[in-house]
């Protein structure tokens, strides 16, 4: 498709403007977009730093998502995993590891688990009694220091354990 402004070059940018109830989409080539003050990103690549960064990108062997990648054990492909959000088997975790790490970074901001550890329900009696005593002690200290928000939270957690 040709540029809507100059009608000479192919468009590389679609600019959509919404005003009141009307939506206007302009197809612009790189030069016309720059004339309108739209940053196309190519200006950065023309600087020495941009040249250096693009050279690094060419040498680095970053894995390119390959939708044809298939698990030998269950037959699941990367496309299947993306479509339904589920892995087929335990070997899929190893096969698609690089792609999963990238996905986790984008979704959660990190690929490292930062939450609480899983404790199976109905743990040993000694563990729950020790936890209960610990929570009661924290509750006592929270009340003494007049931290009533924390005290209310601890009270609720104690009720759940009891």
N, C-alpha and C. Protein backbone atom coordinates (compact mmCIF):
# COMPACT_ATOMS: atom_id res chain seq x y z
N UNK A 1 0.85 -1.17 0.00
CA UNK A 1 0.00 0.00 0.00
C UNK A 1 0.90 1.24 0.00
N UNK A 2 0.52 2.23 -0.74
CA UNK A 2 1.28 3.47 -0.87
C UNK A 2 1.01 4.40 0.31
N UNK A 3 1.93 5.32 0.51
CA UNK A 3 1.82 6.33 1.56
C UNK A 3 0.65 7.25 1.22
N UNK A 4 -0.18 7.55 2.20
CA UNK A 4 -1.33 8.43 1.99
C UNK A 4 -0.91 9.88 1.77
N UNK A 5 0.27 10.25 2.24
CA UNK A 5 0.71 11.65 2.16
C UNK A 5 1.40 11.94 0.83
N UNK A 6 2.46 11.17 0.50
CA UNK A 6 3.23 11.47 -0.72
C UNK A 6 2.80 10.62 -1.91
N UNK A 7 2.15 9.52 -1.68
CA UNK A 7 1.66 8.60 -2.73
C UNK A 7 2.79 8.01 -3.58
N UNK A 8 4.05 8.08 -3.07
CA UNK A 8 5.20 7.58 -3.85
C UNK A 8 5.77 6.29 -3.27
N UNK A 9 5.98 6.28 -1.96
CA UNK A 9 6.66 5.16 -1.32
C UNK A 9 5.67 4.26 -0.60
N UNK A 10 6.14 3.04 -0.28
CA UNK A 10 5.32 2.09 0.47
C UNK A 10 5.19 2.57 1.92
N UNK A 11 4.04 2.32 2.52
CA UNK A 11 3.85 2.76 3.91
C UNK A 11 4.53 1.77 4.86
N UNK A 12 5.05 2.28 5.96
CA UNK A 12 5.66 1.44 6.99
C UNK A 12 5.01 1.69 8.35
N UNK A 13 4.22 2.74 8.45
CA UNK A 13 3.59 3.11 9.71
C UNK A 13 2.11 3.36 9.49
N UNK A 14 1.30 2.84 10.39
CA UNK A 14 -0.13 3.14 10.38
C UNK A 14 -0.40 4.02 11.59
N UNK A 15 -0.85 5.22 11.34
CA UNK A 15 -1.15 6.18 12.39
C UNK A 15 -2.67 6.29 12.50
N UNK A 16 -3.20 5.96 13.66
CA UNK A 16 -4.65 6.02 13.87
C UNK A 16 -4.95 7.15 14.83
N UNK A 17 -5.81 8.07 14.41
CA UNK A 17 -6.23 9.19 15.23
C UNK A 17 -7.72 9.05 15.49
N UNK A 18 -8.10 9.21 16.76
CA UNK A 18 -9.50 9.14 17.13
C UNK A 18 -9.90 10.49 17.70
N UNK A 19 -10.86 11.13 17.05
CA UNK A 19 -11.38 12.41 17.50
C UNK A 19 -12.89 12.29 17.59
N UNK A 20 -13.41 12.48 18.79
CA UNK A 20 -14.84 12.37 19.07
C UNK A 20 -15.34 11.00 18.61
N UNK A 21 -16.16 10.93 17.59
CA UNK A 21 -16.71 9.66 17.13
C UNK A 21 -16.08 9.18 15.83
N UNK A 22 -15.06 9.89 15.34
CA UNK A 22 -14.45 9.51 14.06
C UNK A 22 -13.06 8.94 14.28
N UNK A 23 -12.73 7.94 13.48
CA UNK A 23 -11.43 7.29 13.55
C UNK A 23 -10.77 7.44 12.18
N UNK A 24 -9.59 8.03 12.16
CA UNK A 24 -8.87 8.26 10.91
C UNK A 24 -7.57 7.47 10.96
N UNK A 25 -7.32 6.65 9.95
CA UNK A 25 -6.08 5.87 9.88
C UNK A 25 -5.27 6.36 8.69
N UNK A 26 -4.04 6.78 8.97
CA UNK A 26 -3.13 7.23 7.92
C UNK A 26 -2.04 6.19 7.73
N UNK A 27 -1.73 5.89 6.48
CA UNK A 27 -0.64 4.98 6.15
C UNK A 27 0.49 5.86 5.64
N UNK A 28 1.60 5.89 6.38
CA UNK A 28 2.69 6.80 6.06
C UNK A 28 3.99 6.05 5.80
N UNK A 29 4.78 6.61 4.87
CA UNK A 29 6.12 6.08 4.66
C UNK A 29 7.02 6.66 5.75
N UNK A 30 8.24 6.18 5.83
CA UNK A 30 9.14 6.61 6.89
C UNK A 30 9.44 8.11 6.82
N UNK A 31 9.67 8.63 5.63
CA UNK A 31 10.02 10.05 5.49
C UNK A 31 8.85 10.95 5.86
N UNK A 32 7.65 10.62 5.41
CA UNK A 32 6.49 11.45 5.74
C UNK A 32 6.17 11.39 7.23
N UNK A 33 6.40 10.23 7.84
CA UNK A 33 6.16 10.10 9.28
C UNK A 33 7.15 11.00 10.04
N UNK A 34 8.40 11.03 9.61
CA UNK A 34 9.38 11.88 10.27
C UNK A 34 9.05 13.36 10.08
N UNK A 35 8.53 13.71 8.92
CA UNK A 35 8.12 15.10 8.67
C UNK A 35 6.99 15.51 9.60
N UNK A 36 6.11 14.55 9.94
CA UNK A 36 5.01 14.85 10.85
C UNK A 36 5.43 14.76 12.32
N UNK A 37 6.73 14.45 12.55
CA UNK A 37 7.24 14.40 13.92
C UNK A 37 7.03 13.08 14.63
N UNK A 38 6.80 12.01 13.87
CA UNK A 38 6.60 10.70 14.47
C UNK A 38 7.93 9.97 14.47
N UNK A 39 8.34 9.47 15.65
CA UNK A 39 9.61 8.75 15.78
C UNK A 39 9.43 7.35 15.22
N UNK A 40 10.18 7.03 14.18
CA UNK A 40 10.05 5.72 13.53
C UNK A 40 11.03 4.71 14.08
N UNK A 41 11.99 5.13 14.87
CA UNK A 41 12.98 4.22 15.42
C UNK A 41 14.20 4.06 14.55
N UNK A 42 14.10 4.38 13.29
CA UNK A 42 15.25 4.23 12.40
C UNK A 42 16.29 5.31 12.68
N UNK A 43 15.89 6.44 13.25
CA UNK A 43 16.85 7.49 13.58
C UNK A 43 17.83 7.00 14.62
N UNK A 44 17.37 6.16 15.53
CA UNK A 44 18.25 5.62 16.56
C UNK A 44 19.28 4.71 15.94
N UNK A 45 18.88 3.92 14.93
CA UNK A 45 19.81 2.98 14.31
C UNK A 45 20.91 3.69 13.52
N UNK A 46 20.69 4.95 13.15
CA UNK A 46 21.69 5.67 12.36
C UNK A 46 22.77 6.29 13.24
N UNK A 47 22.61 6.28 14.56
CA UNK A 47 23.61 6.81 15.46
C UNK A 47 24.69 5.75 15.69
N UNK A 48 25.87 6.14 16.17
CA UNK A 48 26.91 5.14 16.45
C UNK A 48 26.45 4.08 17.45
N UNK A 49 25.71 4.50 18.46
CA UNK A 49 25.22 3.54 19.44
C UNK A 49 24.23 2.58 18.78
N UNK A 50 23.36 3.09 17.94
CA UNK A 50 22.40 2.24 17.25
C UNK A 50 23.08 1.24 16.34
N UNK A 51 24.14 1.67 15.66
CA UNK A 51 24.90 0.76 14.80
C UNK A 51 25.54 -0.34 15.63
N UNK A 52 26.10 0.05 16.77
CA UNK A 52 26.72 -0.92 17.66
C UNK A 52 25.70 -1.93 18.17
N UNK A 53 24.54 -1.44 18.60
CA UNK A 53 23.51 -2.33 19.11
C UNK A 53 22.97 -3.26 18.03
N UNK A 54 22.80 -2.76 16.83
CA UNK A 54 22.30 -3.63 15.77
C UNK A 54 23.34 -4.68 15.41
N UNK A 55 24.64 -4.32 15.49
CA UNK A 55 25.70 -5.30 15.22
C UNK A 55 25.68 -6.39 16.29
N UNK A 56 25.43 -6.01 17.54
CA UNK A 56 25.34 -7.00 18.61
C UNK A 56 24.17 -7.94 18.36
N UNK A 57 23.07 -7.39 17.92
CA UNK A 57 21.89 -8.20 17.66
C UNK A 57 22.11 -9.21 16.56
N UNK A 58 22.94 -8.88 15.58
CA UNK A 58 23.21 -9.80 14.48
C UNK A 58 24.08 -10.95 14.93
N UNK A 59 25.04 -10.66 15.85
CA UNK A 59 25.95 -11.70 16.29
C UNK A 59 25.30 -12.60 17.33
N UNK A 60 24.42 -12.05 18.13
CA UNK A 60 23.80 -12.85 19.18
C UNK A 60 22.87 -13.88 18.56
N UNK A 61 22.88 -15.05 19.12
CA UNK A 61 22.02 -16.10 18.60
C UNK A 61 20.82 -16.24 19.52
N UNK A 62 19.93 -15.29 19.42
CA UNK A 62 18.71 -15.35 20.21
C UNK A 62 17.77 -16.35 19.57
N UNK A 63 17.13 -17.18 20.40
CA UNK A 63 16.22 -18.16 19.82
C UNK A 63 14.99 -17.49 19.22
N UNK A 64 14.70 -17.85 18.02
CA UNK A 64 13.52 -17.32 17.33
C UNK A 64 12.39 -18.30 17.58
N UNK A 65 11.25 -17.82 18.04
CA UNK A 65 10.14 -18.73 18.29
C UNK A 65 9.81 -19.52 17.03
N UNK A 66 9.88 -20.82 17.14
CA UNK A 66 9.59 -21.68 16.00
C UNK A 66 8.31 -22.44 16.30
N UNK A 67 7.24 -22.08 15.63
CA UNK A 67 5.96 -22.73 15.89
C UNK A 67 5.99 -24.19 15.51
N UNK A 68 6.93 -24.61 14.69
CA UNK A 68 7.03 -26.00 14.28
C UNK A 68 7.75 -26.87 15.30
N UNK A 69 8.34 -26.29 16.33
CA UNK A 69 9.04 -27.05 17.35
C UNK A 69 8.05 -28.00 18.01
N UNK A 70 8.41 -29.32 18.06
CA UNK A 70 7.46 -30.32 18.53
C UNK A 70 8.11 -31.23 19.56
N UNK A 71 7.36 -31.54 20.60
CA UNK A 71 7.83 -32.44 21.66
C UNK A 71 7.82 -33.87 21.15
N UNK A 72 8.93 -34.58 21.36
CA UNK A 72 9.02 -35.96 20.89
C UNK A 72 8.17 -36.90 21.73
N UNK A 73 7.90 -36.52 22.98
CA UNK A 73 7.16 -37.39 23.88
C UNK A 73 5.65 -37.33 23.64
N UNK A 74 5.08 -36.13 23.65
CA UNK A 74 3.62 -36.01 23.55
C UNK A 74 3.14 -35.44 22.22
N UNK A 75 4.06 -34.88 21.43
CA UNK A 75 3.68 -34.34 20.13
C UNK A 75 3.18 -32.91 20.16
N UNK A 76 3.20 -32.26 21.33
CA UNK A 76 2.74 -30.87 21.42
C UNK A 76 3.72 -29.94 20.71
N UNK A 77 3.20 -28.96 20.02
CA UNK A 77 4.04 -27.98 19.34
C UNK A 77 4.01 -26.66 20.12
N UNK A 78 4.94 -25.80 19.79
CA UNK A 78 4.97 -24.50 20.44
C UNK A 78 3.70 -23.72 20.13
N UNK A 79 3.18 -23.90 18.94
CA UNK A 79 1.92 -23.25 18.57
C UNK A 79 0.78 -23.75 19.45
N UNK A 80 0.74 -25.07 19.72
CA UNK A 80 -0.29 -25.62 20.61
C UNK A 80 -0.20 -25.01 22.00
N UNK A 81 1.03 -24.89 22.50
CA UNK A 81 1.24 -24.33 23.84
C UNK A 81 0.77 -22.89 23.88
N UNK A 82 1.07 -22.14 22.83
CA UNK A 82 0.64 -20.74 22.79
C UNK A 82 -0.88 -20.62 22.68
N UNK A 83 -1.49 -21.50 21.89
CA UNK A 83 -2.93 -21.42 21.67
C UNK A 83 -3.74 -21.76 22.91
N UNK A 84 -3.39 -22.87 23.58
CA UNK A 84 -4.21 -23.28 24.72
C UNK A 84 -3.58 -22.97 26.07
N UNK A 85 -2.34 -22.50 26.11
CA UNK A 85 -1.71 -22.11 27.36
C UNK A 85 -1.32 -23.26 28.25
N UNK A 86 -1.25 -24.47 27.70
CA UNK A 86 -0.90 -25.65 28.50
C UNK A 86 0.18 -26.46 27.81
N UNK A 87 1.04 -27.03 28.62
CA UNK A 87 2.08 -27.91 28.11
C UNK A 87 1.56 -29.33 28.09
N UNK A 88 2.07 -30.13 27.17
CA UNK A 88 1.56 -31.49 27.02
C UNK A 88 2.10 -32.47 28.03
N UNK A 89 3.38 -32.34 28.41
CA UNK A 89 4.00 -33.28 29.34
C UNK A 89 5.18 -32.60 30.04
N UNK A 90 5.85 -33.35 30.91
CA UNK A 90 6.96 -32.77 31.66
C UNK A 90 8.15 -32.46 30.76
N UNK A 91 8.29 -33.18 29.66
CA UNK A 91 9.41 -32.91 28.76
C UNK A 91 9.22 -31.62 27.96
N UNK A 92 7.99 -31.16 27.85
CA UNK A 92 7.71 -29.89 27.17
C UNK A 92 8.39 -28.74 27.89
N UNK A 93 8.47 -28.82 29.22
CA UNK A 93 9.11 -27.76 29.99
C UNK A 93 10.57 -27.59 29.55
N UNK A 94 11.25 -28.70 29.31
CA UNK A 94 12.65 -28.63 28.89
C UNK A 94 12.77 -28.18 27.44
N UNK A 95 11.91 -28.70 26.58
CA UNK A 95 11.98 -28.36 25.17
C UNK A 95 11.65 -26.90 24.91
N UNK A 96 10.61 -26.38 25.57
CA UNK A 96 10.16 -25.02 25.35
C UNK A 96 10.69 -24.05 26.40
N UNK A 97 11.73 -24.43 27.14
CA UNK A 97 12.22 -23.65 28.28
C UNK A 97 12.53 -22.20 27.91
N UNK A 98 13.25 -21.99 26.83
CA UNK A 98 13.64 -20.64 26.44
C UNK A 98 12.41 -19.78 26.15
N UNK A 99 11.45 -20.35 25.46
CA UNK A 99 10.24 -19.61 25.10
C UNK A 99 9.38 -19.36 26.33
N UNK A 100 9.36 -20.31 27.27
CA UNK A 100 8.59 -20.14 28.50
C UNK A 100 9.19 -19.05 29.38
N UNK A 101 10.52 -19.01 29.46
CA UNK A 101 11.18 -17.97 30.25
C UNK A 101 10.83 -16.58 29.71
N UNK A 102 10.87 -16.44 28.40
CA UNK A 102 10.53 -15.16 27.78
C UNK A 102 9.08 -14.79 28.09
N UNK A 103 8.19 -15.76 27.98
CA UNK A 103 6.78 -15.53 28.27
C UNK A 103 6.57 -15.13 29.73
N UNK A 104 7.23 -15.82 30.66
CA UNK A 104 7.10 -15.49 32.08
C UNK A 104 7.64 -14.10 32.38
N UNK A 105 8.74 -13.73 31.74
CA UNK A 105 9.28 -12.38 31.95
C UNK A 105 8.28 -11.33 31.50
N UNK A 106 7.64 -11.57 30.35
CA UNK A 106 6.67 -10.59 29.85
C UNK A 106 5.41 -10.53 30.72
N UNK A 107 4.94 -11.68 31.19
CA UNK A 107 3.71 -11.72 31.96
C UNK A 107 3.90 -11.27 33.41
N UNK A 108 4.97 -11.75 34.05
CA UNK A 108 5.14 -11.52 35.47
C UNK A 108 6.28 -10.59 35.83
N UNK A 109 7.07 -10.19 34.84
CA UNK A 109 8.20 -9.31 35.12
C UNK A 109 9.44 -10.06 35.55
N UNK A 110 9.35 -11.36 35.74
CA UNK A 110 10.49 -12.17 36.16
C UNK A 110 10.21 -13.61 35.81
N UNK A 111 11.28 -14.38 35.62
CA UNK A 111 11.10 -15.80 35.37
C UNK A 111 11.50 -16.60 36.61
N UNK A 112 11.71 -15.91 37.73
CA UNK A 112 12.07 -16.55 38.99
C UNK A 112 10.89 -16.44 39.94
N UNK A 113 10.53 -17.54 40.58
CA UNK A 113 9.39 -17.54 41.51
C UNK A 113 9.74 -16.74 42.75
N UNK A 114 8.86 -15.78 43.12
CA UNK A 114 9.11 -14.92 44.26
C UNK A 114 8.04 -15.07 45.34
N UNK A 115 7.09 -15.97 45.16
CA UNK A 115 5.98 -16.11 46.10
C UNK A 115 6.29 -17.05 47.25
N UNK A 116 5.24 -17.44 47.96
CA UNK A 116 5.40 -18.34 49.09
C UNK A 116 5.54 -19.77 48.60
N UNK A 117 6.17 -20.58 49.43
CA UNK A 117 6.31 -21.99 49.10
C UNK A 117 4.99 -22.70 49.38
N UNK A 118 4.75 -23.75 48.65
CA UNK A 118 3.52 -24.54 48.81
C UNK A 118 3.65 -25.41 50.06
N UNK A 119 2.65 -25.36 50.90
CA UNK A 119 2.57 -26.23 52.06
C UNK A 119 1.34 -27.09 51.89
N UNK A 120 1.51 -28.40 51.84
CA UNK A 120 0.34 -29.27 51.62
C UNK A 120 -0.64 -29.14 52.77
N UNK A 121 -1.93 -29.18 52.46
CA UNK A 121 -2.94 -29.07 53.52
C UNK A 121 -2.87 -30.26 54.46
N UNK A 122 -3.20 -30.02 55.72
CA UNK A 122 -3.21 -31.10 56.69
C UNK A 122 -1.81 -31.57 57.03
N UNK A 123 -0.86 -30.64 57.15
CA UNK A 123 0.50 -31.00 57.51
C UNK A 123 0.52 -31.63 58.89
N UNK A 124 1.69 -31.92 59.37
CA UNK A 124 1.79 -32.61 60.65
C UNK A 124 1.25 -31.72 61.77
N UNK A 125 0.79 -32.36 62.81
CA UNK A 125 0.20 -31.66 63.96
C UNK A 125 1.20 -30.74 64.62
N UNK A 126 2.46 -31.20 64.72
CA UNK A 126 3.49 -30.39 65.37
C UNK A 126 3.77 -29.12 64.58
N UNK A 127 3.77 -29.23 63.25
CA UNK A 127 4.01 -28.06 62.40
C UNK A 127 2.90 -27.02 62.59
N UNK A 128 1.65 -27.48 62.60
CA UNK A 128 0.54 -26.53 62.72
C UNK A 128 0.51 -25.92 64.12
N UNK A 129 0.86 -26.69 65.15
CA UNK A 129 0.90 -26.14 66.51
C UNK A 129 2.02 -25.12 66.64
N UNK A 130 3.17 -25.42 66.04
CA UNK A 130 4.29 -24.48 66.08
C UNK A 130 3.94 -23.20 65.34
N UNK A 131 3.29 -23.33 64.22
CA UNK A 131 2.87 -22.17 63.42
C UNK A 131 1.85 -21.33 64.19
N UNK A 132 0.93 -22.02 64.87
CA UNK A 132 -0.10 -21.34 65.66
C UNK A 132 0.52 -20.55 66.80
N UNK A 133 1.48 -21.16 67.50
CA UNK A 133 2.17 -20.46 68.60
C UNK A 133 2.95 -19.25 68.08
N UNK A 134 3.58 -19.42 66.93
CA UNK A 134 4.34 -18.32 66.32
C UNK A 134 3.41 -17.15 65.95
N UNK A 135 2.26 -17.48 65.37
CA UNK A 135 1.31 -16.43 65.00
C UNK A 135 0.74 -15.72 66.22
N UNK A 136 0.48 -16.47 67.29
CA UNK A 136 -0.03 -15.84 68.51
C UNK A 136 1.00 -14.89 69.11
N UNK A 137 2.27 -15.28 69.06
CA UNK A 137 3.33 -14.40 69.57
C UNK A 137 3.42 -13.12 68.72
N UNK A 138 3.33 -13.27 67.40
CA UNK A 138 3.35 -12.10 66.53
C UNK A 138 2.13 -11.20 66.79
N UNK A 139 0.99 -11.83 67.05
CA UNK A 139 -0.22 -11.07 67.36
C UNK A 139 -0.04 -10.27 68.64
N UNK A 140 0.54 -10.90 69.67
CA UNK A 140 0.78 -10.20 70.93
C UNK A 140 1.69 -9.00 70.72
N UNK A 141 2.77 -9.17 69.93
CA UNK A 141 3.69 -8.06 69.67
C UNK A 141 3.03 -6.96 68.86
N UNK A 142 2.17 -7.34 67.90
CA UNK A 142 1.48 -6.35 67.07
C UNK A 142 0.52 -5.51 67.91
N UNK A 143 -0.17 -6.14 68.86
CA UNK A 143 -1.10 -5.41 69.73
C UNK A 143 -0.32 -4.48 70.65
N UNK A 144 0.82 -4.97 71.19
CA UNK A 144 1.65 -4.12 72.07
C UNK A 144 2.17 -2.89 71.34
N UNK A 145 2.53 -3.07 70.07
CA UNK A 145 3.05 -1.94 69.30
C UNK A 145 1.94 -1.14 68.62
N UNK A 146 0.70 -1.50 68.90
CA UNK A 146 -0.48 -0.83 68.37
C UNK A 146 -0.56 -0.85 66.84
N UNK A 147 -0.07 -1.93 66.26
CA UNK A 147 -0.17 -2.14 64.81
C UNK A 147 -1.42 -2.99 64.58
N UNK A 148 -2.57 -2.33 64.58
CA UNK A 148 -3.84 -3.05 64.58
C UNK A 148 -4.18 -3.69 63.24
N UNK A 149 -3.68 -3.14 62.16
CA UNK A 149 -3.93 -3.77 60.85
C UNK A 149 -3.26 -5.13 60.79
N UNK A 150 -2.00 -5.18 61.22
CA UNK A 150 -1.28 -6.45 61.24
C UNK A 150 -1.93 -7.40 62.23
N UNK A 151 -2.37 -6.87 63.38
CA UNK A 151 -3.02 -7.70 64.40
C UNK A 151 -4.29 -8.34 63.85
N UNK A 152 -5.07 -7.58 63.10
CA UNK A 152 -6.30 -8.13 62.52
C UNK A 152 -5.99 -9.22 61.51
N UNK A 153 -4.96 -9.02 60.71
CA UNK A 153 -4.57 -10.04 59.73
C UNK A 153 -4.09 -11.31 60.44
N UNK A 154 -3.28 -11.14 61.49
CA UNK A 154 -2.79 -12.29 62.25
C UNK A 154 -3.94 -13.02 62.95
N UNK A 155 -4.89 -12.26 63.47
CA UNK A 155 -6.05 -12.86 64.12
C UNK A 155 -6.81 -13.75 63.14
N UNK A 156 -6.99 -13.25 61.91
CA UNK A 156 -7.72 -14.03 60.89
C UNK A 156 -6.94 -15.29 60.52
N UNK A 157 -5.63 -15.19 60.43
CA UNK A 157 -4.82 -16.36 60.10
C UNK A 157 -4.86 -17.40 61.21
N UNK A 158 -4.89 -16.93 62.46
CA UNK A 158 -5.00 -17.86 63.59
C UNK A 158 -6.34 -18.57 63.57
N UNK A 159 -7.40 -17.87 63.26
CA UNK A 159 -8.73 -18.49 63.18
C UNK A 159 -8.79 -19.58 62.12
N UNK A 160 -8.09 -19.34 60.99
CA UNK A 160 -8.06 -20.34 59.93
C UNK A 160 -7.34 -21.59 60.40
N UNK A 161 -6.24 -21.41 61.12
CA UNK A 161 -5.47 -22.57 61.61
C UNK A 161 -6.21 -23.33 62.71
N UNK A 162 -6.97 -22.59 63.52
CA UNK A 162 -7.69 -23.26 64.62
C UNK A 162 -8.88 -24.03 64.05
